[in-house]
Amino acid sequence: MTSFESEASIEEKLIRQLTEGKSQWTFRDDIRSFDDLWDNFRRILVQNNKEIFDAHPLTDNEFLQVQNQLRFTSFYDAAV
């Protein structure tokens, strides 16, 4: 008889593996969607480049350009 593991169980194990012990990952319960992920990225980008963005705030159109530069057709293309 073939058994299988639920997707939720696999996700839970992966999160545990990535966040426990010696790890650079932190589980963020507040990031639940793709838009939440981009919002968090934008916040960190602005925070890490405060001197630049204090003088010239990042507009929505400029952030769309950043997003477009970070979209790749495959994982292989992203690694190049």
PDB file of N, CA and C in Angstrom:
ATOM      1  N   MET A   1       0.846  -1.184   0.000  1.00  0.00           N
ATOM      2  CA  MET A   1       0.000   0.000   0.000  1.00  0.00           C
ATOM      3  C   MET A   1       0.889   1.244   0.000  1.00  0.00           C
ATOM      4  N   THR A   2       0.576   2.191  -0.851  1.00  0.00           N
ATOM      5  CA  THR A   2       1.330   3.430  -0.957  1.00  0.00           C
ATOM      6  C   THR A   2       0.775   4.460   0.011  1.00  0.00           C
ATOM      7  N   SER A   3       1.661   5.108   0.725  1.00  0.00           N
ATOM      8  CA  SER A   3       1.218   6.177   1.627  1.00  0.00           C
ATOM      9  C   SER A   3       1.800   7.488   1.141  1.00  0.00           C
ATOM     10  N   PHE A   4       1.196   8.559   1.553  1.00  0.00           N
ATOM     11  CA  PHE A   4       1.702   9.861   1.164  1.00  0.00           C
ATOM     12  C   PHE A   4       1.603  10.817   2.339  1.00  0.00           C
ATOM     13  N   GLU A   5       2.366  11.872   2.263  1.00  0.00           N
ATOM     14  CA  GLU A   5       2.395  12.892   3.306  1.00  0.00           C
ATOM     15  C   GLU A   5       1.710  14.138   2.763  1.00  0.00           C
ATOM     16  N   SER A   6       0.935  14.786   3.592  1.00  0.00           N
ATOM     17  CA  SER A   6       0.216  15.973   3.128  1.00  0.00           C
ATOM     18  C   SER A   6       1.182  17.126   2.850  1.00  0.00           C
ATOM     19  N   GLU A   7       0.772  18.007   1.969  1.00  0.00           N
ATOM     20  CA  GLU A   7       1.587  19.175   1.633  1.00  0.00           C
ATOM     21  C   GLU A   7       1.824  20.036   2.874  1.00  0.00           C
ATOM     22  N   ALA A   8       0.812  20.192   3.705  1.00  0.00           N
ATOM     23  CA  ALA A   8       0.940  20.994   4.922  1.00  0.00           C
ATOM     24  C   ALA A   8       2.008  20.418   5.851  1.00  0.00           C
ATOM     25  N   SER A   9       2.045  19.096   5.955  1.00  0.00           N
ATOM     26  CA  SER A   9       3.041  18.435   6.796  1.00  0.00           C
ATOM     27  C   SER A   9       4.452  18.655   6.244  1.00  0.00           C
ATOM     28  N   ILE A  10       4.599  18.551   4.930  1.00  0.00           N
ATOM     29  CA  ILE A  10       5.905  18.781   4.307  1.00  0.00           C
ATOM     30  C   ILE A  10       6.353  20.219   4.524  1.00  0.00           C
ATOM     31  N   GLU A  11       5.427  21.188   4.342  1.00  0.00           N
ATOM     32  CA  GLU A  11       5.757  22.597   4.554  1.00  0.00           C
ATOM     33  C   GLU A  11       6.187  22.845   5.996  1.00  0.00           C
ATOM     34  N   GLU A  12       5.464  22.270   6.942  1.00  0.00           N
ATOM     35  CA  GLU A  12       5.785  22.445   8.355  1.00  0.00           C
ATOM     36  C   GLU A  12       7.190  21.911   8.671  1.00  0.00           C
ATOM     37  N   LYS A  13       7.522  20.741   8.136  1.00  0.00           N
ATOM     38  CA  LYS A  13       8.854  20.163   8.359  1.00  0.00           C
ATOM     39  C   LYS A  13       9.943  21.032   7.743  1.00  0.00           C
ATOM     40  N   LEU A  14       9.683  21.575   6.552  1.00  0.00           N
ATOM     41  CA  LEU A  14      10.662  22.446   5.896  1.00  0.00           C
ATOM     42  C   LEU A  14      10.879  23.717   6.708  1.00  0.00           C
ATOM     43  N   ILE A  15       9.817  24.335   7.167  1.00  0.00           N
ATOM     44  CA  ILE A  15       9.939  25.547   7.989  1.00  0.00           C
ATOM     45  C   ILE A  15      10.734  25.249   9.248  1.00  0.00           C
ATOM     46  N   ARG A  16      10.440  24.128   9.895  1.00  0.00           N
ATOM     47  CA  ARG A  16      11.170  23.743  11.102  1.00  0.00           C
ATOM     48  C   ARG A  16      12.655  23.549  10.805  1.00  0.00           C
ATOM     49  N   GLN A  17      12.952  22.884   9.700  1.00  0.00           N
ATOM     50  CA  GLN A  17      14.340  22.625   9.327  1.00  0.00           C
ATOM     51  C   GLN A  17      15.085  23.934   9.035  1.00  0.00           C
ATOM     52  N   LEU A  18      14.416  24.878   8.399  1.00  0.00           N
ATOM     53  CA  LEU A  18      15.061  26.139   8.028  1.00  0.00           C
ATOM     54  C   LEU A  18      15.220  27.114   9.192  1.00  0.00           C
ATOM     55  N   THR A  19      14.403  26.971  10.227  1.00  0.00           N
ATOM     56  CA  THR A  19      14.415  27.968  11.297  1.00  0.00           C
ATOM     57  C   THR A  19      14.986  27.487  12.624  1.00  0.00           C
ATOM     58  N   GLU A  20      15.176  26.206  12.792  1.00  0.00           N
ATOM     59  CA  GLU A  20      15.686  25.702  14.075  1.00  0.00           C
ATOM     60  C   GLU A  20      17.200  25.580  14.054  1.00  0.00           C
ATOM     61  N   GLY A  21      17.784  25.638  15.239  1.00  0.00           N
ATOM     62  CA  GLY A  21      19.228  25.459  15.356  1.00  0.00           C
ATOM     63  C   GLY A  21      19.992  26.624  14.763  1.00  0.00           C
ATOM     64  N   LYS A  22      21.126  26.324  14.167  1.00  0.00           N
ATOM     65  CA  LYS A  22      21.973  27.347  13.570  1.00  0.00           C
ATOM     66  C   LYS A  22      21.417  27.685  12.190  1.00  0.00           C
ATOM     67  N   SER A  23      20.725  28.813  12.093  1.00  0.00           N
ATOM     68  CA  SER A  23      20.037  29.147  10.856  1.00  0.00           C
ATOM     69  C   SER A  23      19.940  30.648  10.674  1.00  0.00           C
ATOM     70  N   GLN A  24      19.947  31.083   9.421  1.00  0.00           N
ATOM     71  CA  GLN A  24      19.766  32.499   9.123  1.00  0.00           C
ATOM     72  C   GLN A  24      18.297  32.831   8.866  1.00  0.00           C
ATOM     73  N   TRP A  25      17.436  31.837   8.860  1.00  0.00           N
ATOM     74  CA  TRP A  25      16.029  32.025   8.523  1.00  0.00           C
ATOM     75  C   TRP A  25      15.198  32.315   9.760  1.00  0.00           C
ATOM     76  N   THR A  26      14.208  33.188   9.605  1.00  0.00           N
ATOM     77  CA  THR A  26      13.253  33.499  10.659  1.00  0.00           C
ATOM     78  C   THR A  26      11.855  33.332  10.082  1.00  0.00           C
ATOM     79  N   PHE A  27      11.026  32.568  10.763  1.00  0.00           N
ATOM     80  CA  PHE A  27       9.663  32.385  10.296  1.00  0.00           C
ATOM     81  C   PHE A  27       8.875  33.655  10.558  1.00  0.00           C
ATOM     82  N   ARG A  28       8.225  34.193   9.529  1.00  0.00           N
ATOM     83  CA  ARG A  28       7.436  35.412   9.638  1.00  0.00           C
ATOM     84  C   ARG A  28       5.976  35.073   9.382  1.00  0.00           C
ATOM     85  N   ASP A  29       5.193  34.976  10.443  1.00  0.00           N
ATOM     86  CA  ASP A  29       3.778  34.625  10.334  1.00  0.00           C
ATOM     87  C   ASP A  29       2.973  35.729   9.645  1.00  0.00           C
ATOM     88  N   ASP A  30       3.517  36.955   9.612  1.00  0.00           N
ATOM     89  CA  ASP A  30       2.794  38.076   9.010  1.00  0.00           C
ATOM     90  C   ASP A  30       2.935  38.118   7.485  1.00  0.00           C
ATOM     91  N   ILE A  31       3.838  37.334   6.920  1.00  0.00           N
ATOM     92  CA  ILE A  31       4.006  37.285   5.468  1.00  0.00           C
ATOM     93  C   ILE A  31       3.248  36.066   4.952  1.00  0.00           C
ATOM     94  N   ARG A  32       2.096  36.345   4.348  1.00  0.00           N
ATOM     95  CA  ARG A  32       1.197  35.268   3.931  1.00  0.00           C
ATOM     96  C   ARG A  32       0.943  35.239   2.428  1.00  0.00           C
ATOM     97  N   SER A  33       1.378  36.273   1.712  1.00  0.00           N
ATOM     98  CA  SER A  33       1.088  36.326   0.285  1.00  0.00           C
ATOM     99  C   SER A  33       2.315  36.835  -0.476  1.00  0.00           C
ATOM    100  N   PHE A  34       2.242  36.726  -1.780  1.00  0.00           N
ATOM    101  CA  PHE A  34       3.308  37.213  -2.647  1.00  0.00           C
ATOM    102  C   PHE A  34       3.468  38.725  -2.480  1.00  0.00           C
ATOM    103  N   ASP A  35       2.346  39.441  -2.367  1.00  0.00           N
ATOM    104  CA  ASP A  35       2.389  40.894  -2.162  1.00  0.00           C
ATOM    105  C   ASP A  35       3.030  41.239  -0.819  1.00  0.00           C
ATOM    106  N   ASP A  36       2.734  40.467   0.220  1.00  0.00           N
ATOM    107  CA  ASP A  36       3.372  40.678   1.532  1.00  0.00           C
ATOM    108  C   ASP A  36       4.888  40.519   1.419  1.00  0.00           C
ATOM    109  N   LEU A  37       5.317  39.541   0.641  1.00  0.00           N
ATOM    110  CA  LEU A  37       6.740  39.291   0.456  1.00  0.00           C
ATOM    111  C   LEU A  37       7.410  40.474  -0.235  1.00  0.00           C
ATOM    112  N   TRP A  38       6.782  40.997  -1.306  1.00  0.00           N
ATOM    113  CA  TRP A  38       7.338  42.166  -2.000  1.00  0.00           C
ATOM    114  C   TRP A  38       7.330  43.401  -1.098  1.00  0.00           C
ATOM    115  N   ASP A  39       6.278  43.589  -0.300  1.00  0.00           N
ATOM    116  CA  ASP A  39       6.219  44.725   0.629  1.00  0.00           C
ATOM    117  C   ASP A  39       7.352  44.651   1.643  1.00  0.00           C
ATOM    118  N   ASN A  40       7.628  43.458   2.136  1.00  0.00           N
ATOM    119  CA  ASN A  40       8.718  43.270   3.086  1.00  0.00           C
ATOM    120  C   ASN A  40      10.067  43.549   2.416  1.00  0.00           C
ATOM    121  N   PHE A  41      10.230  43.073   1.186  1.00  0.00           N
ATOM    122  CA  PHE A  41      11.462  43.328   0.451  1.00  0.00           C
ATOM    123  C   PHE A  41      11.676  44.823   0.247  1.00  0.00           C
ATOM    124  N   ARG A  42      10.605  45.533  -0.124  1.00  0.00           N
ATOM    125  CA  ARG A  42      10.707  46.977  -0.336  1.00  0.00           C
ATOM    126  C   ARG A  42      11.103  47.692   0.960  1.00  0.00           C
ATOM    127  N   ARG A  43      10.483  47.294   2.056  1.00  0.00           N
ATOM    128  CA  ARG A  43      10.797  47.915   3.352  1.00  0.00           C
ATOM    129  C   ARG A  43      12.276  47.719   3.697  1.00  0.00           C
ATOM    130  N   ILE A  44      12.787  46.510   3.495  1.00  0.00           N
ATOM    131  CA  ILE A  44      14.195  46.225   3.790  1.00  0.00           C
ATOM    132  C   ILE A  44      15.115  46.973   2.829  1.00  0.00           C
ATOM    133  N   LEU A  45      14.750  47.039   1.551  1.00  0.00           N
ATOM    134  CA  LEU A  45      15.541  47.774   0.564  1.00  0.00           C
ATOM    135  C   LEU A  45      15.669  49.241   0.953  1.00  0.00           C
ATOM    136  N   VAL A  46      14.572  49.848   1.316  1.00  0.00           N
ATOM    137  CA  VAL A  46      14.587  51.261   1.721  1.00  0.00           C
ATOM    138  C   VAL A  46      15.368  51.436   3.025  1.00  0.00           C
ATOM    139  N   GLN A  47      15.159  50.545   3.969  1.00  0.00           N
ATOM    140  CA  GLN A  47      15.852  50.617   5.257  1.00  0.00           C
ATOM    141  C   GLN A  47      17.364  50.494   5.091  1.00  0.00           C
ATOM    142  N   ASN A  48      17.815  49.603   4.222  1.00  0.00           N
ATOM    143  CA  ASN A  48      19.246  49.373   4.022  1.00  0.00           C
ATOM    144  C   ASN A  48      19.905  50.430   3.142  1.00  0.00           C
ATOM    145  N   ASN A  49      19.100  51.274   2.513  1.00  0.00           N
ATOM    146  CA  ASN A  49      19.627  52.342   1.653  1.00  0.00           C
ATOM    147  C   ASN A  49      19.036  53.682   2.058  1.00  0.00           C
ATOM    148  N   LYS A  50      18.937  53.864   3.359  1.00  0.00           N
ATOM    149  CA  LYS A  50      18.264  55.031   3.931  1.00  0.00           C
ATOM    150  C   LYS A  50      18.831  56.357   3.423  1.00  0.00           C
ATOM    151  N   GLU A  51      20.137  56.459   3.319  1.00  0.00           N
ATOM    152  CA  GLU A  51      20.754  57.722   2.892  1.00  0.00           C
ATOM    153  C   GLU A  51      20.281  58.112   1.490  1.00  0.00           C
ATOM    154  N   ILE A  52      20.184  57.142   0.613  1.00  0.00           N
ATOM    155  CA  ILE A  52      19.754  57.409  -0.764  1.00  0.00           C
ATOM    156  C   ILE A  52      18.271  57.760  -0.807  1.00  0.00           C
ATOM    157  N   PHE A  53      17.460  56.963  -0.119  1.00  0.00           N
ATOM    158  CA  PHE A  53      16.016  57.142  -0.213  1.00  0.00           C
ATOM    159  C   PHE A  53      15.490  58.288   0.642  1.00  0.00           C
ATOM    160  N   ASP A  54      16.275  58.768   1.605  1.00  0.00           N
ATOM    161  CA  ASP A  54      15.879  59.977   2.327  1.00  0.00           C
ATOM    162  C   ASP A  54      15.908  61.172   1.383  1.00  0.00           C
ATOM    163  N   ALA A  55      16.906  61.198   0.506  1.00  0.00           N
ATOM    164  CA  ALA A  55      17.038  62.301  -0.447  1.00  0.00           C
ATOM    165  C   ALA A  55      16.064  62.153  -1.613  1.00  0.00           C
ATOM    166  N   HIS A  56      15.786  60.918  -1.998  1.00  0.00           N
ATOM    167  CA  HIS A  56      14.889  60.652  -3.134  1.00  0.00           C
ATOM    168  C   HIS A  56      14.069  59.402  -2.813  1.00  0.00           C
ATOM    169  N   PRO A  57      12.855  59.566  -2.269  1.00  0.00           N
ATOM    170  CA  PRO A  57      12.035  58.398  -1.923  1.00  0.00           C
ATOM    171  C   PRO A  57      11.762  57.508  -3.132  1.00  0.00           C
ATOM    172  N   LEU A  58      11.721  56.207  -2.884  1.00  0.00           N
ATOM    173  CA  LEU A  58      11.465  55.216  -3.920  1.00  0.00           C
ATOM    174  C   LEU A  58       9.998  55.283  -4.339  1.00  0.00           C
ATOM    175  N   THR A  59       9.754  55.584  -5.604  1.00  0.00           N
ATOM    176  CA  THR A  59       8.375  55.656  -6.099  1.00  0.00           C
ATOM    177  C   THR A  59       7.877  54.255  -6.445  1.00  0.00           C
ATOM    178  N   ASP A  60       6.576  54.140  -6.616  1.00  0.00           N
ATOM    179  CA  ASP A  60       5.987  52.852  -6.999  1.00  0.00           C
ATOM    180  C   ASP A  60       6.507  52.399  -8.354  1.00  0.00           C
ATOM    181  N   ASN A  61       6.636  53.327  -9.301  1.00  0.00           N
ATOM    182  CA  ASN A  61       7.155  52.969 -10.626  1.00  0.00           C
ATOM    183  C   ASN A  61       8.603  52.500 -10.551  1.00  0.00           C
ATOM    184  N   GLU A  62       9.409  53.140  -9.729  1.00  0.00           N
ATOM    185  CA  GLU A  62      10.800  52.710  -9.561  1.00  0.00           C
ATOM    186  C   GLU A  62      10.855  51.319  -8.937  1.00  0.00           C
ATOM    187  N   PHE A  63       9.985  51.063  -7.983  1.00  0.00           N
ATOM    188  CA  PHE A  63       9.978  49.736  -7.359  1.00  0.00           C
ATOM    189  C   PHE A  63       9.519  48.671  -8.357  1.00  0.00           C
ATOM    190  N   LEU A  64       8.593  49.014  -9.232  1.00  0.00           N
ATOM    191  CA  LEU A  64       8.200  48.077 -10.288  1.00  0.00           C
ATOM    192  C   LEU A  64       9.384  47.730 -11.182  1.00  0.00           C
ATOM    193  N   GLN A  65      10.244  48.701 -11.436  1.00  0.00           N
ATOM    194  CA  GLN A  65      11.452  48.430 -12.219  1.00  0.00           C
ATOM    195  C   GLN A  65      12.379  47.465 -11.482  1.00  0.00           C
ATOM    196  N   VAL A  66      12.503  47.653 -10.166  1.00  0.00           N
ATOM    197  CA  VAL A  66      13.309  46.732  -9.352  1.00  0.00           C
ATOM    198  C   VAL A  66      12.718  45.328  -9.439  1.00  0.00           C
ATOM    199  N   GLN A  67      11.404  45.217  -9.268  1.00  0.00           N
ATOM    200  CA  GLN A  67      10.740  43.919  -9.349  1.00  0.00           C
ATOM    201  C   GLN A  67      10.990  43.258 -10.700  1.00  0.00           C
ATOM    202  N   ASN A  68      10.881  44.026 -11.770  1.00  0.00           N
ATOM    203  CA  ASN A  68      11.092  43.469 -13.105  1.00  0.00           C
ATOM    204  C   ASN A  68      12.513  42.961 -13.287  1.00  0.00           C
ATOM    205  N   GLN A  69      13.479  43.607 -12.669  1.00  0.00           N
ATOM    206  CA  GLN A  69      14.864  43.161 -12.761  1.00  0.00           C
ATOM    207  C   GLN A  69      15.090  41.866 -11.980  1.00  0.00           C
ATOM    208  N   LEU A  70      14.217  41.589 -11.014  1.00  0.00           N
ATOM    209  CA  LEU A  70      14.368  40.400 -10.168  1.00  0.00           C
ATOM    210  C   LEU A  70      13.461  39.242 -10.579  1.00  0.00           C
ATOM    211  N   ARG A  71      12.746  39.376 -11.667  1.00  0.00           N
ATOM    212  CA  ARG A  71      11.881  38.293 -12.163  1.00  0.00           C
ATOM    213  C   ARG A  71      12.644  37.506 -13.222  1.00  0.00           C
ATOM    214  N   PHE A  72      12.725  36.216 -13.022  1.00  0.00           N
ATOM    215  CA  PHE A  72      13.471  35.346 -13.929  1.00  0.00           C
ATOM    216  C   PHE A  72      12.559  34.223 -14.416  1.00  0.00           C
ATOM    217  N   THR A  73      12.841  33.715 -15.596  1.00  0.00           N
ATOM    218  CA  THR A  73      12.003  32.652 -16.155  1.00  0.00           C
ATOM    219  C   THR A  73      12.264  31.311 -15.483  1.00  0.00           C
ATOM    220  N   SER A  74      13.438  31.164 -14.867  1.00  0.00           N
ATOM    221  CA  SER A  74      13.752  29.908 -14.187  1.00  0.00           C
ATOM    222  C   SER A  74      14.759  30.160 -13.060  1.00  0.00           C
ATOM    223  N   PHE A  75      14.897  29.181 -12.203  1.00  0.00           N
ATOM    224  CA  PHE A  75      15.886  29.265 -11.130  1.00  0.00           C
ATOM    225  C   PHE A  75      17.301  29.336 -11.709  1.00  0.00           C
ATOM    226  N   TYR A  76      17.476  28.668 -12.833  1.00  0.00           N
ATOM    227  CA  TYR A  76      18.802  28.654 -13.475  1.00  0.00           C
ATOM    228  C   TYR A  76      19.177  30.047 -13.979  1.00  0.00           C
ATOM    229  N   ASP A  77      18.219  30.742 -14.583  1.00  0.00           N
ATOM    230  CA  ASP A  77      18.478  32.103 -15.047  1.00  0.00           C
ATOM    231  C   ASP A  77      18.783  33.040 -13.877  1.00  0.00           C
ATOM    232  N   ALA A  78      18.112  32.839 -12.760  1.00  0.00           N
ATOM    233  CA  ALA A  78      18.327  33.689 -11.590  1.00  0.00           C
ATOM    234  C   ALA A  78      19.724  33.494 -11.011  1.00  0.00           C
ATOM    235  N   ALA A  79      20.289  32.329 -11.177  1.00  0.00           N
ATOM    236  CA  ALA A  79      21.601  32.013 -10.587  1.00  0.00           C
ATOM    237  C   ALA A  79      22.772  32.547 -11.397  1.00  0.00           C
ATOM    238  N   VAL A  80      22.507  32.953 -12.612  1.00  0.00           N
ATOM    239  CA  VAL A  80      23.603  33.412 -13.498  1.00  0.00           C
ATOM    240  C   VAL A  80      24.045  34.793 -13.140  1.00  0.00           C
TER     241      VAL A  80
END
